[in-house]
C-alpha cells in the first residue's frame, strides 16, 4: 500500500513528531511530582539526554515510544508496511543507541528505568513500579548523606 500523503505533507507530519514533552512523558512527570519527587529534565550533559533525572538519587527515567524505540512484543512497535528496510534500519539504530546510552549511564553510577508508552495505560501498575524504583536504596543513600 502506498502512502496516502505527498512527500511534503508526510515530511511535515514526521517533523511534527515530538521528542520531548510527549503525552506519556508528561503523564510520568506529573505522577513523579505527585509522589513528592523533584527532578531535572533532559540533561544534555548525560548520555542519551535522559527525560527525567533525579540527581540526588542518582536515578534516571527514560519514557520511550514503543514504535520509535522498538519495544519487543508490543503491537505499537510494528513496522510500517511500506519502506520496511528503511524503518527497520532507523529503528534498530535507535534501539542500539538506547542500549549504548544506558550502559554508559550505568557505568557512571546511574540507575535507569525505562517506561514504555504502552505502560502508561495501566496507571496503578506504573505508579507502583516508579515508586518502587525511586524508593529502592533511597534509605541507604539517605543514611550515607548524613
C-alpha atoms as a PDB file:
ATOM      1  CA  UNK A   1       0.000   0.000   0.000  1.00  0.00           C
ATOM      2  CA  UNK A   2       1.405   3.387  -0.937  1.00  0.00           C
ATOM      3  CA  UNK A   3       1.381   6.438   1.277  1.00  0.00           C
ATOM      4  CA  UNK A   4      -1.817   8.484   1.053  1.00  0.00           C
ATOM      5  CA  UNK A   5       0.130  11.736   1.624  1.00  0.00           C
ATOM      6  CA  UNK A   6       2.503  13.559  -0.683  1.00  0.00           C
ATOM      7  CA  UNK A   7       6.192  13.656   0.261  1.00  0.00           C
ATOM      8  CA  UNK A   8       5.871  17.236   1.522  1.00  0.00           C
ATOM      9  CA  UNK A   9       2.825  16.506   3.671  1.00  0.00           C
ATOM     10  CA  UNK A  10       4.413  13.325   5.067  1.00  0.00           C
ATOM     11  CA  UNK A  11       7.587  15.300   5.816  1.00  0.00           C
ATOM     12  CA  UNK A  12       5.593  17.917   7.755  1.00  0.00           C
ATOM     13  CA  UNK A  13       3.761  15.188   9.666  1.00  0.00           C
ATOM     14  CA  UNK A  14       7.016  13.451  10.612  1.00  0.00           C
ATOM     15  CA  UNK A  15       8.653  16.761  11.561  1.00  0.00           C
ATOM     16  CA  UNK A  16       5.799  17.412  13.996  1.00  0.00           C
ATOM     17  CA  UNK A  17       6.507  14.199  15.939  1.00  0.00           C
ATOM     18  CA  UNK A  18       7.795  15.409  19.284  1.00  0.00           C
ATOM     19  CA  UNK A  19      10.868  14.036  21.021  1.00  0.00           C
ATOM     20  CA  UNK A  20      10.147  15.666  24.390  1.00  0.00           C
ATOM     21  CA  UNK A  21       7.095  16.728  26.341  1.00  0.00           C
ATOM     22  CA  UNK A  22       5.088  13.890  24.813  1.00  0.00           C
ATOM     23  CA  UNK A  23       1.833  12.797  26.430  1.00  0.00           C
ATOM     24  CA  UNK A  24       3.399   9.673  28.050  1.00  0.00           C
ATOM     25  CA  UNK A  25       6.346  11.734  29.335  1.00  0.00           C
ATOM     26  CA  UNK A  26       4.064  14.402  30.787  1.00  0.00           C
ATOM     27  CA  UNK A  27       1.962  11.713  32.486  1.00  0.00           C
ATOM     28  CA  UNK A  28       5.069  10.210  34.140  1.00  0.00           C
ATOM     29  CA  UNK A  29       6.350  13.650  35.155  1.00  0.00           C
ATOM     30  CA  UNK A  30       3.038  14.561  36.801  1.00  0.00           C
ATOM     31  CA  UNK A  31       2.961  11.186  38.560  1.00  0.00           C
ATOM     32  CA  UNK A  32       6.509  11.544  39.908  1.00  0.00           C
ATOM     33  CA  UNK A  33       5.811  15.097  41.080  1.00  0.00           C
ATOM     34  CA  UNK A  34       2.599  13.964  42.796  1.00  0.00           C
ATOM     35  CA  UNK A  35       4.658  11.271  44.592  1.00  0.00           C
ATOM     36  CA  UNK A  36       6.765  14.080  46.043  1.00  0.00           C
ATOM     37  CA  UNK A  37       9.924  13.721  43.962  1.00  0.00           C
ATOM     38  CA  UNK A  38      11.657  16.639  42.289  1.00  0.00           C
ATOM     39  CA  UNK A  39      13.672  16.231  39.142  1.00  0.00           C
ATOM     40  CA  UNK A  40      15.516  17.801  36.242  1.00  0.00           C
ATOM     41  CA  UNK A  41      14.558  17.407  32.584  1.00  0.00           C
ATOM     42  CA  UNK A  42      16.563  16.443  29.525  1.00  0.00           C
ATOM     43  CA  UNK A  43      20.074  16.768  30.940  1.00  0.00           C
ATOM     44  CA  UNK A  44      22.209  17.242  27.851  1.00  0.00           C
ATOM     45  CA  UNK A  45      25.408  16.532  29.788  1.00  0.00           C
ATOM     46  CA  UNK A  46      24.347  12.890  30.284  1.00  0.00           C
ATOM     47  CA  UNK A  47      24.396  10.140  27.630  1.00  0.00           C
ATOM     48  CA  UNK A  48      21.072   9.926  25.814  1.00  0.00           C
ATOM     49  CA  UNK A  49      19.738  13.218  27.235  1.00  0.00           C
ATOM     50  CA  UNK A  50      17.503  11.410  29.758  1.00  0.00           C
ATOM     51  CA  UNK A  51      13.877  12.503  30.010  1.00  0.00           C
ATOM     52  CA  UNK A  52      13.688  12.678  33.818  1.00  0.00           C
ATOM     53  CA  UNK A  53      16.761  12.927  36.068  1.00  0.00           C
ATOM     54  CA  UNK A  54      16.884  12.654  39.855  1.00  0.00           C
ATOM     55  CA  UNK A  55      20.388  13.962  40.632  1.00  0.00           C
ATOM     56  CA  UNK A  56      20.235  13.426  44.400  1.00  0.00           C
ATOM     57  CA  UNK A  57      19.051   9.826  43.983  1.00  0.00           C
ATOM     58  CA  UNK A  58      21.352   9.205  41.007  1.00  0.00           C
ATOM     59  CA  UNK A  59      18.404   7.749  39.085  1.00  0.00           C
ATOM     60  CA  UNK A  60      17.055   8.316  35.601  1.00  0.00           C
ATOM     61  CA  UNK A  61      13.756   7.577  33.873  1.00  0.00           C
ATOM     62  CA  UNK A  62      13.507   7.337  30.101  1.00  0.00           C
ATOM     63  CA  UNK A  63       9.996   7.465  28.627  1.00  0.00           C
ATOM     64  CA  UNK A  64      10.152   5.668  25.285  1.00  0.00           C
ATOM     65  CA  UNK A  65       7.620   5.485  22.492  1.00  0.00           C
ATOM     66  CA  UNK A  66       7.041   1.830  21.614  1.00  0.00           C
ATOM     67  CA  UNK A  67       7.379   2.392  17.855  1.00  0.00           C
ATOM     68  CA  UNK A  68      10.432   4.670  17.858  1.00  0.00           C
ATOM     69  CA  UNK A  69      12.422   2.610  20.350  1.00  0.00           C
ATOM     70  CA  UNK A  70      11.419  -0.902  19.205  1.00  0.00           C
ATOM     71  CA  UNK A  71       9.513  -2.244  22.205  1.00  0.00           C
ATOM     72  CA  UNK A  72       9.668  -6.033  21.926  1.00  0.00           C
ATOM     73  CA  UNK A  73       6.335  -7.861  21.617  1.00  0.00           C
ATOM     74  CA  UNK A  74       4.332  -4.631  21.526  1.00  0.00           C
ATOM     75  CA  UNK A  75       1.711  -4.080  18.830  1.00  0.00           C
ATOM     76  CA  UNK A  76       2.642  -0.392  18.674  1.00  0.00           C
ATOM     77  CA  UNK A  77       6.161  -1.378  17.558  1.00  0.00           C
ATOM     78  CA  UNK A  78       5.129  -2.965  14.257  1.00  0.00           C
ATOM     79  CA  UNK A  79       6.987  -1.712  11.205  1.00  0.00           C
ATOM     80  CA  UNK A  80       5.020   0.111   8.514  1.00  0.00           C
ATOM     81  CA  UNK A  81       4.084  -1.994   5.503  1.00  0.00           C
ATOM     82  CA  UNK A  82       5.956   0.278   3.093  1.00  0.00           C
ATOM     83  CA  UNK A  83       9.669   1.050   3.028  1.00  0.00           C
ATOM     84  CA  UNK A  84      10.327  -1.640   5.637  1.00  0.00           C
ATOM     85  CA  UNK A  85      14.091  -1.753   5.161  1.00  0.00           C
ATOM     86  CA  UNK A  86      14.375   1.986   5.876  1.00  0.00           C
ATOM     87  CA  UNK A  87      12.265   1.717   9.028  1.00  0.00           C
ATOM     88  CA  UNK A  88      13.985  -1.461  10.235  1.00  0.00           C
ATOM     89  CA  UNK A  89      17.398   0.244   9.923  1.00  0.00           C
ATOM     90  CA  UNK A  90      16.257   3.505  11.512  1.00  0.00           C
ATOM     91  CA  UNK A  91      14.516   1.934  14.483  1.00  0.00           C
ATOM     92  CA  UNK A  92      17.281  -0.636  15.026  1.00  0.00           C
ATOM     93  CA  UNK A  93      19.773   2.230  15.257  1.00  0.00           C
ATOM     94  CA  UNK A  94      17.529   3.944  17.822  1.00  0.00           C
ATOM     95  CA  UNK A  95      17.357   0.763  19.921  1.00  0.00           C
ATOM     96  CA  UNK A  96      21.136   0.219  19.717  1.00  0.00           C
ATOM     97  CA  UNK A  97      21.776   3.837  20.703  1.00  0.00           C
ATOM     98  CA  UNK A  98      19.412   3.395  23.677  1.00  0.00           C
ATOM     99  CA  UNK A  99      21.313   0.296  24.860  1.00  0.00           C
ATOM    100  CA  UNK A 100      24.662   2.091  24.491  1.00  0.00           C
ATOM    101  CA  UNK A 101      23.434   5.166  26.391  1.00  0.00           C
ATOM    102  CA  UNK A 102      22.017   3.048  29.209  1.00  0.00           C
ATOM    103  CA  UNK A 103      25.295   1.093  29.508  1.00  0.00           C
ATOM    104  CA  UNK A 104      27.231   4.357  29.742  1.00  0.00           C
ATOM    105  CA  UNK A 105      24.859   5.748  32.361  1.00  0.00           C
ATOM    106  CA  UNK A 106      25.177   2.597  34.485  1.00  0.00           C
ATOM    107  CA  UNK A 107      28.984   2.798  34.218  1.00  0.00           C
ATOM    108  CA  UNK A 108      28.709   6.356  35.518  1.00  0.00           C
ATOM    109  CA  UNK A 109      26.758   5.055  38.536  1.00  0.00           C
ATOM    110  CA  UNK A 110      23.209   5.967  37.465  1.00  0.00           C
ATOM    111  CA  UNK A 111      20.255   3.622  37.919  1.00  0.00           C
ATOM    112  CA  UNK A 112      17.984   3.574  34.873  1.00  0.00           C
ATOM    113  CA  UNK A 113      14.294   2.823  34.435  1.00  0.00           C
ATOM    114  CA  UNK A 114      12.654   2.683  31.011  1.00  0.00           C
ATOM    115  CA  UNK A 115       8.932   3.409  30.918  1.00  0.00           C
ATOM    116  CA  UNK A 116       7.296   2.366  27.657  1.00  0.00           C
ATOM    117  CA  UNK A 117       4.418   4.235  26.065  1.00  0.00           C
ATOM    118  CA  UNK A 118       2.133   1.213  26.456  1.00  0.00           C
ATOM    119  CA  UNK A 119       2.956   1.089  30.215  1.00  0.00           C
ATOM    120  CA  UNK A 120       1.188   4.421  30.656  1.00  0.00           C
ATOM    121  CA  UNK A 121      -2.181   2.749  30.040  1.00  0.00           C
ATOM    122  CA  UNK A 122      -2.058   0.965  33.427  1.00  0.00           C
ATOM    123  CA  UNK A 123      -1.573   3.936  35.739  1.00  0.00           C
ATOM    124  CA  UNK A 124      -1.771   1.990  39.012  1.00  0.00           C
ATOM    125  CA  UNK A 125       0.848  -0.551  37.949  1.00  0.00           C
ATOM    126  CA  UNK A 126       3.077   2.162  36.527  1.00  0.00           C
ATOM    127  CA  UNK A 127       2.878   4.244  39.687  1.00  0.00           C
ATOM    128  CA  UNK A 128       3.805   1.204  41.778  1.00  0.00           C
ATOM    129  CA  UNK A 129       6.772   0.462  39.505  1.00  0.00           C
ATOM    130  CA  UNK A 130       8.010   4.071  39.515  1.00  0.00           C
ATOM    131  CA  UNK A 131       7.603   4.427  43.294  1.00  0.00           C
ATOM    132  CA  UNK A 132       9.491   1.159  43.875  1.00  0.00           C
ATOM    133  CA  UNK A 133      12.297   2.304  41.538  1.00  0.00           C
ATOM    134  CA  UNK A 134      12.648   5.704  43.190  1.00  0.00           C
ATOM    135  CA  UNK A 135      12.457   4.422  46.759  1.00  0.00           C
ATOM    136  CA  UNK A 136      14.806   1.439  46.250  1.00  0.00           C
ATOM    137  CA  UNK A 137      18.090   2.062  48.030  1.00  0.00           C
ATOM    138  CA  UNK A 138      16.978   5.587  48.948  1.00  0.00           C
ATOM    139  CA  UNK A 139      17.199   4.656  52.635  1.00  0.00           C
ATOM    140  CA  UNK A 140      20.823   3.629  52.065  1.00  0.00           C
ATOM    141  CA  UNK A 141      21.631   6.811  50.145  1.00  0.00           C
ATOM    142  CA  UNK A 142      19.916   8.959  52.802  1.00  0.00           C
ATOM    143  CA  UNK A 143      21.991   7.308  55.542  1.00  0.00           C
ATOM    144  CA  UNK A 144      25.224   7.808  53.617  1.00  0.00           C
ATOM    145  CA  UNK A 145      24.443  11.530  53.045  1.00  0.00           C
ATOM    146  CA  UNK A 146      24.171  12.222  56.796  1.00  0.00           C
END
